[in-house]
């Protein structure tokens, strides 16, 4: 094949390609029409994916807020922090043991006598 024949075949190939694939429309409505086509392709899975990402973000923020609330120190009143036995002990000191049937734990200790 000669150089001229190859050029002619290449020109024919380009001409057939231009006929098969026309140039895109360059009108002012090109971008709005393109966006309409893109938005038409958005289906339920895309919308559900968006909602899922929003839900996961909200759940993560809620977990972080709950962790901060639970970890942050807070002050309780003295009444709540003491047990019933500790409150009774504060009200009735050990000097009242002589009047009760309670035997102290350190009865065998020499300092007790």
PDB file of N, CA and C in Angstrom:
ATOM      1  N   UNK A   1       0.838  -1.173   0.000  1.00  0.00           N
ATOM      2  CA  UNK A   1       0.000   0.000   0.000  1.00  0.00           C
ATOM      3  C   UNK A   1       0.886   1.240   0.000  1.00  0.00           C
ATOM      4  N   UNK A   2       0.413   2.158  -0.750  1.00  0.00           N
ATOM      5  CA  UNK A   2       1.184   3.392  -0.837  1.00  0.00           C
ATOM      6  C   UNK A   2       0.716   4.380   0.227  1.00  0.00           C
ATOM      7  N   UNK A   3       1.463   5.401   0.291  1.00  0.00           N
ATOM      8  CA  UNK A   3       1.170   6.440   1.286  1.00  0.00           C
ATOM      9  C   UNK A   3      -0.164   7.120   0.986  1.00  0.00           C
ATOM     10  N   UNK A   4      -0.456   7.345  -0.289  1.00  0.00           N
ATOM     11  CA  UNK A   4      -1.718   8.001  -0.675  1.00  0.00           C
ATOM     12  C   UNK A   4      -2.922   7.120  -0.348  1.00  0.00           C
ATOM     13  N   UNK A   5      -2.797   5.828  -0.557  1.00  0.00           N
ATOM     14  CA  UNK A   5      -3.910   4.913  -0.250  1.00  0.00           C
ATOM     15  C   UNK A   5      -4.185   4.895   1.260  1.00  0.00           C
ATOM     16  N   UNK A   6      -3.125   4.897   2.056  1.00  0.00           N
ATOM     17  CA  UNK A   6      -3.300   4.918   3.511  1.00  0.00           C
ATOM     18  C   UNK A   6      -3.962   6.217   3.966  1.00  0.00           C
ATOM     19  N   UNK A   7      -3.555   7.345   3.350  1.00  0.00           N
ATOM     20  CA  UNK A   7      -4.186   8.624   3.689  1.00  0.00           C
ATOM     21  C   UNK A   7      -5.667   8.609   3.330  1.00  0.00           C
ATOM     22  N   UNK A   8      -6.019   8.053   2.181  1.00  0.00           N
ATOM     23  CA  UNK A   8      -7.418   7.988   1.754  1.00  0.00           C
ATOM     24  C   UNK A   8      -8.233   7.099   2.698  1.00  0.00           C
ATOM     25  N   UNK A   9      -7.677   5.963   3.104  1.00  0.00           N
ATOM     26  CA  UNK A   9      -8.388   5.075   4.037  1.00  0.00           C
ATOM     27  C   UNK A   9      -8.569   5.747   5.407  1.00  0.00           C
ATOM     28  N   UNK A  10      -7.550   6.480   5.825  1.00  0.00           N
ATOM     29  CA  UNK A  10      -7.652   7.190   7.100  1.00  0.00           C
ATOM     30  C   UNK A  10      -8.714   8.284   7.029  1.00  0.00           C
ATOM     31  N   UNK A  11      -8.774   8.994   5.912  1.00  0.00           N
ATOM     32  CA  UNK A  11      -9.809  10.021   5.742  1.00  0.00           C
ATOM     33  C   UNK A  11     -11.195   9.397   5.752  1.00  0.00           C
ATOM     34  N   UNK A  12     -11.356   8.258   5.118  1.00  0.00           N
ATOM     35  CA  UNK A  12     -12.657   7.560   5.115  1.00  0.00           C
ATOM     36  C   UNK A  12     -13.022   7.136   6.542  1.00  0.00           C
ATOM     37  N   UNK A  13     -12.051   6.622   7.277  1.00  0.00           N
ATOM     38  CA  UNK A  13     -12.292   6.198   8.660  1.00  0.00           C
ATOM     39  C   UNK A  13     -12.717   7.382   9.528  1.00  0.00           C
ATOM     40  N   UNK A  14     -12.044   8.516   9.396  1.00  0.00           N
ATOM     41  CA  UNK A  14     -12.421   9.710  10.166  1.00  0.00           C
ATOM     42  C   UNK A  14     -13.816  10.196   9.789  1.00  0.00           C
ATOM     43  N   UNK A  15     -14.162  10.176   8.502  1.00  0.00           N
ATOM     44  CA  UNK A  15     -15.477  10.614   8.043  1.00  0.00           C
ATOM     45  C   UNK A  15     -16.565   9.701   8.621  1.00  0.00           C
ATOM     46  N   UNK A  16     -16.346   8.388   8.614  1.00  0.00           N
ATOM     47  CA  UNK A  16     -17.324   7.449   9.190  1.00  0.00           C
ATOM     48  C   UNK A  16     -17.460   7.661  10.706  1.00  0.00           C
ATOM     49  N   UNK A  17     -16.344   7.962  11.355  1.00  0.00           N
ATOM     50  CA  UNK A  17     -16.382   8.205  12.801  1.00  0.00           C
ATOM     51  C   UNK A  17     -17.199   9.455  13.104  1.00  0.00           C
ATOM     52  N   UNK A  18     -17.004  10.537  12.321  1.00  0.00           N
ATOM     53  CA  UNK A  18     -17.772  11.768  12.544  1.00  0.00           C
ATOM     54  C   UNK A  18     -19.257  11.544  12.309  1.00  0.00           C
ATOM     55  N   UNK A  19     -19.609  10.704  11.374  1.00  0.00           N
ATOM     56  CA  UNK A  19     -21.024  10.417  11.130  1.00  0.00           C
ATOM     57  C   UNK A  19     -21.611   9.573  12.266  1.00  0.00           C
ATOM     58  N   UNK A  20     -20.823   8.656  12.810  1.00  0.00           N
ATOM     59  CA  UNK A  20     -21.317   7.784  13.884  1.00  0.00           C
ATOM     60  C   UNK A  20     -21.391   8.518  15.219  1.00  0.00           C
ATOM     61  N   UNK A  21     -20.463   9.424  15.465  1.00  0.00           N
ATOM     62  CA  UNK A  21     -20.418  10.164  16.738  1.00  0.00           C
ATOM     63  C   UNK A  21     -20.465  11.661  16.441  1.00  0.00           C
ATOM     64  N   UNK A  22     -21.650  12.238  16.392  1.00  0.00           N
ATOM     65  CA  UNK A  22     -21.729  13.665  16.085  1.00  0.00           C
ATOM     66  C   UNK A  22     -21.184  14.503  17.242  1.00  0.00           C
ATOM     67  N   UNK A  23     -20.822  15.737  16.943  1.00  0.00           N
ATOM     68  CA  UNK A  23     -20.320  16.659  17.965  1.00  0.00           C
ATOM     69  C   UNK A  23     -21.436  16.984  18.944  1.00  0.00           C
ATOM     70  N   UNK A  24     -21.088  17.161  20.221  1.00  0.00           N
ATOM     71  CA  UNK A  24     -22.127  17.509  21.192  1.00  0.00           C
ATOM     72  C   UNK A  24     -22.681  18.903  20.905  1.00  0.00           C
ATOM     73  N   UNK A  25     -23.902  19.098  21.362  1.00  0.00           N
ATOM     74  CA  UNK A  25     -24.590  20.364  21.141  1.00  0.00           C
ATOM     75  C   UNK A  25     -23.882  21.465  21.918  1.00  0.00           C
ATOM     76  N   UNK A  26     -23.606  22.566  21.272  1.00  0.00           N
ATOM     77  CA  UNK A  26     -22.934  23.680  21.918  1.00  0.00           C
ATOM     78  C   UNK A  26     -23.888  24.819  22.224  1.00  0.00           C
ATOM     79  N   UNK A  27     -25.171  24.524  22.329  1.00  0.00           N
ATOM     80  CA  UNK A  27     -26.167  25.575  22.558  1.00  0.00           C
ATOM     81  C   UNK A  27     -26.138  26.036  24.014  1.00  0.00           C
ATOM     82  N   UNK A  28     -26.807  27.146  24.327  1.00  0.00           N
ATOM     83  CA  UNK A  28     -26.860  27.628  25.716  1.00  0.00           C
ATOM     84  C   UNK A  28     -27.573  26.666  26.666  1.00  0.00           C
ATOM     85  N   UNK A  29     -28.383  25.780  26.145  1.00  0.00           N
ATOM     86  CA  UNK A  29     -29.118  24.826  26.987  1.00  0.00           C
ATOM     87  C   UNK A  29     -28.336  23.541  27.233  1.00  0.00           C
ATOM     88  N   UNK A  30     -27.079  23.502  26.798  1.00  0.00           N
ATOM     89  CA  UNK A  30     -26.310  22.262  26.927  1.00  0.00           C
ATOM     90  C   UNK A  30     -26.151  21.841  28.390  1.00  0.00           C
ATOM     91  N   UNK A  31     -25.682  22.731  29.252  1.00  0.00           N
ATOM     92  CA  UNK A  31     -25.460  22.373  30.659  1.00  0.00           C
ATOM     93  C   UNK A  31     -26.763  22.076  31.395  1.00  0.00           C
ATOM     94  N   UNK A  32     -27.823  22.879  31.255  1.00  0.00           N
ATOM     95  CA  UNK A  32     -29.070  22.513  31.938  1.00  0.00           C
ATOM     96  C   UNK A  32     -29.612  21.152  31.501  1.00  0.00           C
ATOM     97  N   UNK A  33     -29.500  20.867  30.201  1.00  0.00           N
ATOM     98  CA  UNK A  33     -29.971  19.560  29.728  1.00  0.00           C
ATOM     99  C   UNK A  33     -29.091  18.437  30.263  1.00  0.00           C
ATOM    100  N   UNK A  34     -27.801  18.695  30.339  1.00  0.00           N
ATOM    101  CA  UNK A  34     -26.895  17.688  30.888  1.00  0.00           C
ATOM    102  C   UNK A  34     -27.232  17.403  32.346  1.00  0.00           C
ATOM    103  N   UNK A  35     -27.507  18.458  33.138  1.00  0.00           N
ATOM    104  CA  UNK A  35     -27.867  18.258  34.540  1.00  0.00           C
ATOM    105  C   UNK A  35     -29.207  17.544  34.675  1.00  0.00           C
ATOM    106  N   UNK A  36     -30.129  17.805  33.776  1.00  0.00           N
ATOM    107  CA  UNK A  36     -31.412  17.083  33.811  1.00  0.00           C
ATOM    108  C   UNK A  36     -31.182  15.595  33.582  1.00  0.00           C
ATOM    109  N   UNK A  37     -30.288  15.263  32.669  1.00  0.00           N
ATOM    110  CA  UNK A  37     -29.984  13.850  32.424  1.00  0.00           C
ATOM    111  C   UNK A  37     -29.323  13.215  33.653  1.00  0.00           C
ATOM    112  N   UNK A  38     -28.410  13.956  34.276  1.00  0.00           N
ATOM    113  CA  UNK A  38     -27.727  13.426  35.463  1.00  0.00           C
ATOM    114  C   UNK A  38     -28.716  13.220  36.599  1.00  0.00           C
ATOM    115  N   UNK A  39     -29.581  14.201  36.841  1.00  0.00           N
ATOM    116  CA  UNK A  39     -30.561  14.088  37.922  1.00  0.00           C
ATOM    117  C   UNK A  39     -31.591  13.005  37.642  1.00  0.00           C
ATOM    118  N   UNK A  40     -31.887  12.750  36.376  1.00  0.00           N
ATOM    119  CA  UNK A  40     -32.833  11.693  36.035  1.00  0.00           C
ATOM    120  C   UNK A  40     -32.260  10.318  36.369  1.00  0.00           C
ATOM    121  N   UNK A  41     -30.940  10.205  36.350  1.00  0.00           N
ATOM    122  CA  UNK A  41     -30.318   8.912  36.646  1.00  0.00           C
ATOM    123  C   UNK A  41     -30.209   8.627  38.137  1.00  0.00           C
ATOM    124  N   UNK A  42     -30.411   9.634  38.969  1.00  0.00           N
ATOM    125  CA  UNK A  42     -30.351   9.394  40.413  1.00  0.00           C
ATOM    126  C   UNK A  42     -31.545   8.529  40.804  1.00  0.00           C
ATOM    127  N   UNK A  43     -31.236   7.404  41.387  1.00  0.00           N
ATOM    128  CA  UNK A  43     -32.284   6.452  41.736  1.00  0.00           C
ATOM    129  C   UNK A  43     -32.359   6.297  43.246  1.00  0.00           C
ATOM    130  N   UNK A  44     -33.216   5.410  43.667  1.00  0.00           N
ATOM    131  CA  UNK A  44     -33.439   5.162  45.088  1.00  0.00           C
ATOM    132  C   UNK A  44     -32.163   4.779  45.841  1.00  0.00           C
ATOM    133  N   UNK A  45     -31.294   3.932  45.326  1.00  0.00           N
ATOM    134  CA  UNK A  45     -30.073   3.611  46.084  1.00  0.00           C
ATOM    135  C   UNK A  45     -29.209   4.838  46.386  1.00  0.00           C
ATOM    136  N   UNK A  46     -29.150   5.781  45.456  1.00  0.00           N
ATOM    137  CA  UNK A  46     -28.358   6.982  45.718  1.00  0.00           C
ATOM    138  C   UNK A  46     -28.979   7.810  46.830  1.00  0.00           C
ATOM    139  N   UNK A  47     -30.303   7.931  46.809  1.00  0.00           N
ATOM    140  CA  UNK A  47     -30.988   8.696  47.851  1.00  0.00           C
ATOM    141  C   UNK A  47     -30.845   7.984  49.195  1.00  0.00           C
ATOM    142  N   UNK A  48     -31.000   6.660  49.199  1.00  0.00           N
ATOM    143  CA  UNK A  48     -30.839   5.902  50.445  1.00  0.00           C
ATOM    144  C   UNK A  48     -29.403   5.992  50.963  1.00  0.00           C
ATOM    145  N   UNK A  49     -28.448   5.989  50.061  1.00  0.00           N
ATOM    146  CA  UNK A  49     -27.054   6.138  50.481  1.00  0.00           C
ATOM    147  C   UNK A  49     -26.812   7.481  51.151  1.00  0.00           C
ATOM    148  N   UNK A  50     -27.412   8.523  50.600  1.00  0.00           N
ATOM    149  CA  UNK A  50     -27.266   9.854  51.197  1.00  0.00           C
ATOM    150  C   UNK A  50     -27.896   9.879  52.582  1.00  0.00           C
ATOM    151  N   UNK A  51     -29.102   9.316  52.720  1.00  0.00           N
ATOM    152  CA  UNK A  51     -29.778   9.276  54.025  1.00  0.00           C
ATOM    153  C   UNK A  51     -28.980   8.429  55.016  1.00  0.00           C
ATOM    154  N   UNK A  52     -28.395   7.343  54.541  1.00  0.00           N
ATOM    155  CA  UNK A  52     -27.604   6.480  55.420  1.00  0.00           C
ATOM    156  C   UNK A  52     -26.383   7.224  55.949  1.00  0.00           C
ATOM    157  N   UNK A  53     -25.691   7.947  55.082  1.00  0.00           N
ATOM    158  CA  UNK A  53     -24.528   8.720  55.531  1.00  0.00           C
ATOM    159  C   UNK A  53     -24.932   9.782  56.549  1.00  0.00           C
ATOM    160  N   UNK A  54     -26.070  10.433  56.328  1.00  0.00           N
ATOM    161  CA  UNK A  54     -26.538  11.437  57.286  1.00  0.00           C
ATOM    162  C   UNK A  54     -26.873  10.782  58.626  1.00  0.00           C
ATOM    163  N   UNK A  55     -27.528   9.615  58.598  1.00  0.00           N
ATOM    164  CA  UNK A  55     -27.891   8.915  59.829  1.00  0.00           C
ATOM    165  C   UNK A  55     -26.651   8.478  60.591  1.00  0.00           C
ATOM    166  N   UNK A  56     -25.668   7.951  59.895  1.00  0.00           N
ATOM    167  CA  UNK A  56     -24.433   7.502  60.550  1.00  0.00           C
ATOM    168  C   UNK A  56     -23.698   8.695  61.164  1.00  0.00           C
ATOM    169  N   UNK A  57     -23.687   9.811  60.467  1.00  0.00           N
ATOM    170  CA  UNK A  57     -23.051  11.013  61.027  1.00  0.00           C
ATOM    171  C   UNK A  57     -23.775  11.474  62.285  1.00  0.00           C
ATOM    172  N   UNK A  58     -25.093  11.466  62.251  1.00  0.00           N
ATOM    173  CA  UNK A  58     -25.876  11.863  63.421  1.00  0.00           C
ATOM    174  C   UNK A  58     -25.635  10.899  64.584  1.00  0.00           C
ATOM    175  N   UNK A  59     -25.605   9.598  64.298  1.00  0.00           N
ATOM    176  CA  UNK A  59     -25.380   8.605  65.352  1.00  0.00           C
ATOM    177  C   UNK A  59     -23.986   8.763  65.964  1.00  0.00           C
ATOM    178  N   UNK A  60     -22.988   9.039  65.142  1.00  0.00           N
ATOM    179  CA  UNK A  60     -21.633   9.241  65.664  1.00  0.00           C
ATOM    180  C   UNK A  60     -21.572  10.484  66.549  1.00  0.00           C
ATOM    181  N   UNK A  61     -22.235  11.553  66.117  1.00  0.00           N
ATOM    182  CA  UNK A  61     -22.253  12.775  66.933  1.00  0.00           C
ATOM    183  C   UNK A  61     -22.981  12.533  68.251  1.00  0.00           C
ATOM    184  N   UNK A  62     -24.072  11.783  68.213  1.00  0.00           N
ATOM    185  CA  UNK A  62     -24.819  11.471  69.426  1.00  0.00           C
ATOM    186  C   UNK A  62     -23.978  10.616  70.378  1.00  0.00           C
ATOM    187  N   UNK A  63     -23.274   9.620  69.853  1.00  0.00           N
ATOM    188  CA  UNK A  63     -22.397   8.782  70.694  1.00  0.00           C
ATOM    189  C   UNK A  63     -21.283   9.615  71.321  1.00  0.00           C
ATOM    190  N   UNK A  64     -20.716  10.522  70.553  1.00  0.00           N
ATOM    191  CA  UNK A  64     -19.661  11.379  71.087  1.00  0.00           C
ATOM    192  C   UNK A  64     -20.201  12.279  72.188  1.00  0.00           C
ATOM    193  N   UNK A  65     -21.386  12.840  71.986  1.00  0.00           N
ATOM    194  CA  UNK A  65     -21.987  13.698  73.013  1.00  0.00           C
ATOM    195  C   UNK A  65     -22.294  12.899  74.278  1.00  0.00           C
ATOM    196  N   UNK A  66     -22.818  11.686  74.118  1.00  0.00           N
ATOM    197  CA  UNK A  66     -23.118  10.851  75.283  1.00  0.00           C
ATOM    198  C   UNK A  66     -21.835  10.471  76.015  1.00  0.00           C
ATOM    199  N   UNK A  67     -20.765  10.193  75.287  1.00  0.00           N
ATOM    200  CA  UNK A  67     -19.492   9.846  75.926  1.00  0.00           C
ATOM    201  C   UNK A  67     -18.957  11.027  76.728  1.00  0.00           C
ATOM    202  N   UNK A  68     -19.085  12.222  76.181  1.00  0.00           N
ATOM    203  CA  UNK A  68     -18.618  13.408  76.908  1.00  0.00           C
ATOM    204  C   UNK A  68     -19.431  13.602  78.174  1.00  0.00           C
ATOM    205  N   UNK A  69     -20.740  13.407  78.079  1.00  0.00           N
ATOM    206  CA  UNK A  69     -21.601  13.581  79.255  1.00  0.00           C
ATOM    207  C   UNK A  69     -21.284  12.532  80.312  1.00  0.00           C
ATOM    208  N   UNK A  70     -21.041  11.298  79.895  1.00  0.00           N
ATOM    209  CA  UNK A  70     -20.787  10.232  80.858  1.00  0.00           C
ATOM    210  C   UNK A  70     -19.392  10.316  81.472  1.00  0.00           C
ATOM    211  N   UNK A  71     -18.429  10.815  80.746  1.00  0.00           N
ATOM    212  CA  UNK A  71     -17.062  10.875  81.247  1.00  0.00           C
ATOM    213  C   UNK A  71     -16.834  12.130  82.079  1.00  0.00           C
ATOM    214  N   UNK A  72     -17.530  13.189  81.772  1.00  0.00           N
ATOM    215  CA  UNK A  72     -17.333  14.455  82.488  1.00  0.00           C
ATOM    216  C   UNK A  72     -17.674  14.277  83.965  1.00  0.00           C
ATOM    217  N   UNK A  73     -16.818  14.778  84.857  1.00  0.00           N
ATOM    218  CA  UNK A  73     -17.097  14.636  86.292  1.00  0.00           C
ATOM    219  C   UNK A  73     -18.278  15.514  86.696  1.00  0.00           C
ATOM    220  N   UNK A  74     -19.066  14.996  87.607  1.00  0.00           N
ATOM    221  CA  UNK A  74     -20.190  15.781  88.126  1.00  0.00           C
ATOM    222  C   UNK A  74     -20.221  15.591  89.630  1.00  0.00           C
ATOM    223  N   UNK A  75     -20.745  16.557  90.316  1.00  0.00           N
ATOM    224  CA  UNK A  75     -20.744  16.550  91.771  1.00  0.00           C
ATOM    225  C   UNK A  75     -22.114  16.127  92.277  1.00  0.00           C
ATOM    226  N   UNK A  76     -22.087  15.186  93.205  1.00  0.00           N
ATOM    227  CA  UNK A  76     -23.320  14.755  93.853  1.00  0.00           C
ATOM    228  C   UNK A  76     -23.319  15.298  95.269  1.00  0.00           C
ATOM    229  N   UNK A  77     -24.471  15.319  95.865  1.00  0.00           N
ATOM    230  CA  UNK A  77     -24.547  15.786  97.248  1.00  0.00           C
ATOM    231  C   UNK A  77     -23.935  14.739  98.177  1.00  0.00           C
ATOM    232  N   UNK A  78     -23.572  15.162  99.356  1.00  0.00           N
ATOM    233  CA  UNK A  78     -22.946  14.269 100.335  1.00  0.00           C
ATOM    234  C   UNK A  78     -23.901  13.164 100.745  1.00  0.00           C
ATOM    235  N   UNK A  79     -25.181  13.432 100.765  1.00  0.00           N
ATOM    236  CA  UNK A  79     -26.164  12.430 101.181  1.00  0.00           C
ATOM    237  C   UNK A  79     -26.168  11.257 100.215  1.00  0.00           C
ATOM    238  N   UNK A  80     -26.040  11.529  98.939  1.00  0.00           N
ATOM    239  CA  UNK A  80     -26.088  10.464  97.944  1.00  0.00           C
ATOM    240  C   UNK A  80     -24.797   9.657  97.942  1.00  0.00           C
ATOM    241  N   UNK A  81     -23.673  10.277  98.249  1.00  0.00           N
ATOM    242  CA  UNK A  81     -22.397   9.581  98.184  1.00  0.00           C
ATOM    243  C   UNK A  81     -22.170   8.644  99.366  1.00  0.00           C
ATOM    244  N   UNK A  82     -22.817   8.864 100.467  1.00  0.00           N
ATOM    245  CA  UNK A  82     -22.606   7.999 101.629  1.00  0.00           C
ATOM    246  C   UNK A  82     -23.626   6.875 101.637  1.00  0.00           C
ATOM    247  N   UNK A  83     -23.203   5.760 102.201  1.00  0.00           N
ATOM    248  CA  UNK A  83     -24.120   4.632 102.324  1.00  0.00           C
ATOM    249  C   UNK A  83     -24.923   4.767 103.615  1.00  0.00           C
ATOM    250  N   UNK A  84     -25.887   3.926 103.770  1.00  0.00           N
ATOM    251  CA  UNK A  84     -26.741   3.957 104.954  1.00  0.00           C
ATOM    252  C   UNK A  84     -25.926   3.667 106.211  1.00  0.00           C
ATOM    253  N   UNK A  85     -25.016   2.714 106.118  1.00  0.00           N
ATOM    254  CA  UNK A  85     -24.187   2.347 107.268  1.00  0.00           C
ATOM    255  C   UNK A  85     -23.270   3.503 107.653  1.00  0.00           C
ATOM    256  N   UNK A  86     -22.693   4.181 106.676  1.00  0.00           N
ATOM    257  CA  UNK A  86     -21.827   5.320 106.977  1.00  0.00           C
ATOM    258  C   UNK A  86     -22.612   6.449 107.633  1.00  0.00           C
ATOM    259  N   UNK A  87     -23.834   6.672 107.191  1.00  0.00           N
ATOM    260  CA  UNK A  87     -24.660   7.715 107.799  1.00  0.00           C
ATOM    261  C   UNK A  87     -24.994   7.356 109.239  1.00  0.00           C
ATOM    262  N   UNK A  88     -25.302   6.095 109.507  1.00  0.00           N
ATOM    263  CA  UNK A  88     -25.579   5.666 110.880  1.00  0.00           C
ATOM    264  C   UNK A  88     -24.340   5.791 111.756  1.00  0.00           C
ATOM    265  N   UNK A  89     -23.188   5.452 111.200  1.00  0.00           N
ATOM    266  CA  UNK A  89     -21.953   5.547 111.958  1.00  0.00           C
ATOM    267  C   UNK A  89     -21.653   6.998 112.333  1.00  0.00           C
ATOM    268  N   UNK A  90     -21.943   7.914 111.443  1.00  0.00           N
ATOM    269  CA  UNK A  90     -21.727   9.318 111.729  1.00  0.00           C
ATOM    270  C   UNK A  90     -22.686   9.812 112.818  1.00  0.00           C
ATOM    271  N   UNK A  91     -23.889   9.291 112.835  1.00  0.00           N
ATOM    272  CA  UNK A  91     -24.878   9.706 113.826  1.00  0.00           C
ATOM    273  C   UNK A  91     -24.616   9.081 115.193  1.00  0.00           C
ATOM    274  N   UNK A  92     -24.109   7.848 115.210  1.00  0.00           N
ATOM    275  CA  UNK A  92     -23.874   7.127 116.470  1.00  0.00           C
ATOM    276  C   UNK A  92     -22.405   6.747 116.550  1.00  0.00           C
ATOM    277  N   UNK A  93     -21.570   7.569 117.160  1.00  0.00           N
ATOM    278  CA  UNK A  93     -20.142   7.248 117.244  1.00  0.00           C
ATOM    279  C   UNK A  93     -19.889   6.061 118.176  1.00  0.00           C
ATOM    280  N   UNK A  94     -18.643   5.629 118.214  1.00  0.00           N
ATOM    281  CA  UNK A  94     -18.263   4.440 118.977  1.00  0.00           C
ATOM    282  C   UNK A  94     -18.460   4.585 120.485  1.00  0.00           C
ATOM    283  N   UNK A  95     -18.589   5.777 121.017  1.00  0.00           N
ATOM    284  CA  UNK A  95     -18.772   5.921 122.468  1.00  0.00           C
ATOM    285  C   UNK A  95     -20.139   5.415 122.923  1.00  0.00           C
ATOM    286  N   UNK A  96     -21.024   5.187 121.967  1.00  0.00           N
ATOM    287  CA  UNK A  96     -22.343   4.660 122.315  1.00  0.00           C
ATOM    288  C   UNK A  96     -22.351   3.130 122.359  1.00  0.00           C
ATOM    289  N   UNK A  97     -21.232   2.482 122.034  1.00  0.00           N
ATOM    290  CA  UNK A  97     -21.190   1.029 122.007  1.00  0.00           C
ATOM    291  C   UNK A  97     -21.375   0.424 123.399  1.00  0.00           C
ATOM    292  N   UNK A  98     -21.065   1.138 124.432  1.00  0.00           N
ATOM    293  CA  UNK A  98     -21.218   0.618 125.792  1.00  0.00           C
ATOM    294  C   UNK A  98     -22.682   0.363 126.122  1.00  0.00           C
ATOM    295  N   UNK A  99     -23.562   1.068 125.452  1.00  0.00           N
ATOM    296  CA  UNK A  99     -24.987   0.911 125.727  1.00  0.00           C
ATOM    297  C   UNK A  99     -25.679  -0.064 124.781  1.00  0.00           C
ATOM    298  N   UNK A 100     -24.926  -0.698 123.927  1.00  0.00           N
ATOM    299  CA  UNK A 100     -25.542  -1.634 122.980  1.00  0.00           C
ATOM    300  C   UNK A 100     -24.890  -3.002 123.111  1.00  0.00           C
ATOM    301  N   UNK A 101     -25.450  -3.965 122.418  1.00  0.00           N
ATOM    302  CA  UNK A 101     -24.933  -5.327 122.462  1.00  0.00           C
ATOM    303  C   UNK A 101     -23.914  -5.572 121.355  1.00  0.00           C
ATOM    304  N   UNK A 102     -23.360  -4.544 120.794  1.00  0.00           N
ATOM    305  CA  UNK A 102     -22.406  -4.676 119.697  1.00  0.00           C
ATOM    306  C   UNK A 102     -21.010  -4.821 120.272  1.00  0.00           C
ATOM    307  N   UNK A 103     -20.259  -5.789 119.765  1.00  0.00           N
ATOM    308  CA  UNK A 103     -18.891  -6.030 120.209  1.00  0.00           C
ATOM    309  C   UNK A 103     -17.969  -5.497 119.125  1.00  0.00           C
ATOM    310  N   UNK A 104     -17.021  -4.646 119.455  1.00  0.00           N
ATOM    311  CA  UNK A 104     -16.124  -4.097 118.432  1.00  0.00           C
ATOM    312  C   UNK A 104     -15.173  -5.159 117.900  1.00  0.00           C
ATOM    313  N   UNK A 105     -14.603  -4.894 116.729  1.00  0.00           N
ATOM    314  CA  UNK A 105     -13.689  -5.836 116.079  1.00  0.00           C
ATOM    315  C   UNK A 105     -12.351  -5.937 116.807  1.00  0.00           C
ATOM    316  N   UNK A 106     -11.942  -4.925 117.510  1.00  0.00           N
ATOM    317  CA  UNK A 106     -10.614  -4.928 118.123  1.00  0.00           C
ATOM    318  C   UNK A 106     -10.667  -5.353 119.592  1.00  0.00           C
ATOM    319  N   UNK A 107     -11.490  -6.308 119.936  1.00  0.00           N
ATOM    320  CA  UNK A 107     -11.643  -6.743 121.332  1.00  0.00           C
ATOM    321  C   UNK A 107     -10.390  -7.430 121.857  1.00  0.00           C
ATOM    322  N   UNK A 108      -9.631  -8.083 120.998  1.00  0.00           N
ATOM    323  CA  UNK A 108      -8.416  -8.760 121.440  1.00  0.00           C
ATOM    324  C   UNK A 108      -7.218  -7.846 121.483  1.00  0.00           C
ATOM    325  N   UNK A 109      -7.344  -6.639 121.030  1.00  0.00           N
ATOM    326  CA  UNK A 109      -6.246  -5.676 120.988  1.00  0.00           C
ATOM    327  C   UNK A 109      -5.943  -5.180 122.401  1.00  0.00           C
ATOM    328  N   UNK A 110      -4.658  -5.150 122.848  1.00  0.00           N
ATOM    329  CA  UNK A 110      -4.327  -4.707 124.212  1.00  0.00           C
ATOM    330  C   UNK A 110      -4.723  -3.252 124.471  1.00  0.00           C
ATOM    331  N   UNK A 111      -4.780  -2.433 123.453  1.00  0.00           N
ATOM    332  CA  UNK A 111      -5.147  -1.037 123.673  1.00  0.00           C
ATOM    333  C   UNK A 111      -6.645  -0.884 123.946  1.00  0.00           C
ATOM    334  N   UNK A 112      -7.400  -1.938 123.746  1.00  0.00           N
ATOM    335  CA  UNK A 112      -8.853  -1.856 123.952  1.00  0.00           C
ATOM    336  C   UNK A 112      -9.198  -1.869 125.430  1.00  0.00           C
ATOM    337  N   UNK A 113      -8.424  -2.539 126.239  1.00  0.00           N
ATOM    338  CA  UNK A 113      -8.749  -2.694 127.661  1.00  0.00           C
ATOM    339  C   UNK A 113      -8.488  -1.487 128.397  1.00  0.00           C
TER     340      UNK A 113
END
